[in-house]
């Protein structure tokens, strides 16, 4: 899963991992527990535009998570490449 972004949240005992098309939330006290997973791909239209622009569909036209920041006690601010059309969202930590 081409992960590059990590955010440690000691208050909630979680580590957040950003990868291609996914945001994972792992329990730092029990790392073998199945992670919570949000599937967040780029839209089909953006992927097609990316391919038409000559980008590599496998390694360039996904939604690569580039930013994970704490926003407040209940939400994260997350940004992804969106197949060369950046997009940001607020994600509920729960």
Protein backbone atom coordinates (compact mmCIF):
# COMPACT_ATOMS: atom_id res chain seq x y z
CA UNK A 1 0.00 0.00 0.00
CA UNK A 2 2.55 2.76 -0.80
CA UNK A 3 2.28 4.53 2.57
CA UNK A 4 4.14 7.79 3.16
CA UNK A 5 2.27 9.83 5.74
CA UNK A 6 2.03 8.94 9.42
CA UNK A 7 0.39 10.80 12.30
CA UNK A 8 0.71 9.62 15.90
CA UNK A 9 -2.26 10.51 18.10
CA UNK A 10 -1.23 9.63 21.64
CA UNK A 11 -4.41 11.10 23.14
CA UNK A 12 -6.56 8.60 21.24
CA UNK A 13 -3.93 5.80 21.19
CA UNK A 14 -4.02 5.73 17.38
CA UNK A 15 -1.59 6.02 14.52
CA UNK A 16 -2.99 7.23 11.22
CA UNK A 17 -1.40 6.07 7.99
CA UNK A 18 -1.96 7.67 4.60
CA UNK A 19 -1.40 5.58 1.50
CA UNK A 20 -2.66 5.24 -2.06
CA UNK A 21 -6.48 5.38 -1.92
CA UNK A 22 -6.61 4.55 1.81
CA UNK A 23 -6.48 6.09 5.27
CA UNK A 24 -5.75 3.59 8.02
CA UNK A 25 -6.19 3.98 11.76
CA UNK A 26 -4.19 1.57 13.93
CA UNK A 27 -4.46 0.98 17.66
CA UNK A 28 -0.98 1.65 19.09
CA UNK A 29 -1.70 -0.51 22.15
CA UNK A 30 -2.62 -3.54 20.03
CA UNK A 31 -0.95 -3.21 16.64
CA UNK A 32 -2.10 -6.72 15.60
CA UNK A 33 -5.76 -5.63 15.82
CA UNK A 34 -7.36 -5.07 12.41
CA UNK A 35 -7.04 -1.41 11.40
CA UNK A 36 -9.95 0.86 10.67
CA UNK A 37 -9.81 1.62 6.95
CA UNK A 38 -11.29 4.37 4.82
CA UNK A 39 -11.19 3.67 1.09
CA UNK A 40 -10.72 7.07 -0.59
CA UNK A 41 -9.95 6.72 -4.30
CA UNK A 42 -9.85 9.54 -6.82
CA UNK A 43 -13.06 9.99 -8.77
CA UNK A 44 -13.38 8.02 -12.00
CA UNK A 45 -13.51 11.29 -13.98
CA UNK A 46 -10.24 12.52 -12.45
CA UNK A 47 -8.54 9.18 -13.11
CA UNK A 48 -9.61 9.33 -16.77
CA UNK A 49 -8.36 12.93 -17.07
CA UNK A 50 -5.06 11.83 -15.52
CA UNK A 51 -4.68 8.97 -18.02
CA UNK A 52 -5.56 11.28 -20.93
CA UNK A 53 -2.79 13.63 -19.77
CA UNK A 54 -0.32 10.76 -20.24
CA UNK A 55 0.29 9.95 -16.56
CA UNK A 56 0.99 6.41 -15.39
CA UNK A 57 -2.43 4.94 -14.44
CA UNK A 58 -0.94 2.56 -11.86
CA UNK A 59 1.50 4.80 -10.02
CA UNK A 60 0.28 8.30 -10.76
CA UNK A 61 -3.47 8.38 -11.16
CA UNK A 62 -4.54 7.33 -7.68
CA UNK A 63 -5.40 9.41 -4.66
CA UNK A 64 -2.14 9.49 -2.71
CA UNK A 65 -2.69 10.83 0.81
CA UNK A 66 -0.19 13.67 1.33
CA UNK A 67 -1.41 15.40 4.51
CA UNK A 68 -2.91 14.11 7.75
CA UNK A 69 -3.24 16.73 10.48
CA UNK A 70 -5.22 16.91 13.69
CA UNK A 71 -7.98 19.47 13.24
CA UNK A 72 -9.68 19.15 16.62
CA UNK A 73 -10.53 16.42 19.12
CA UNK A 74 -13.05 14.80 16.77
CA UNK A 75 -11.68 15.36 13.24
CA UNK A 76 -8.59 15.08 11.10
CA UNK A 77 -7.79 17.28 8.11
CA UNK A 78 -6.66 15.03 5.25
CA UNK A 79 -5.48 15.94 1.74
CA UNK A 80 -4.80 13.67 -1.20
CA UNK A 81 -3.40 14.05 -4.70
CA UNK A 82 -6.76 13.13 -6.29
CA UNK A 83 -5.15 11.92 -9.53
CA UNK A 84 -3.38 15.28 -10.03
CA UNK A 85 -6.47 17.18 -8.86
CA UNK A 86 -5.81 17.75 -5.13
CA UNK A 87 -8.67 17.36 -2.68
CA UNK A 88 -8.95 17.87 1.09
CA UNK A 89 -11.56 16.60 3.54
CA UNK A 90 -12.35 16.48 7.24
CA UNK A 91 -12.43 12.93 8.59
CA UNK A 92 -14.18 11.92 11.80
CA UNK A 93 -11.68 10.16 14.06
CA UNK A 94 -14.35 7.71 15.23
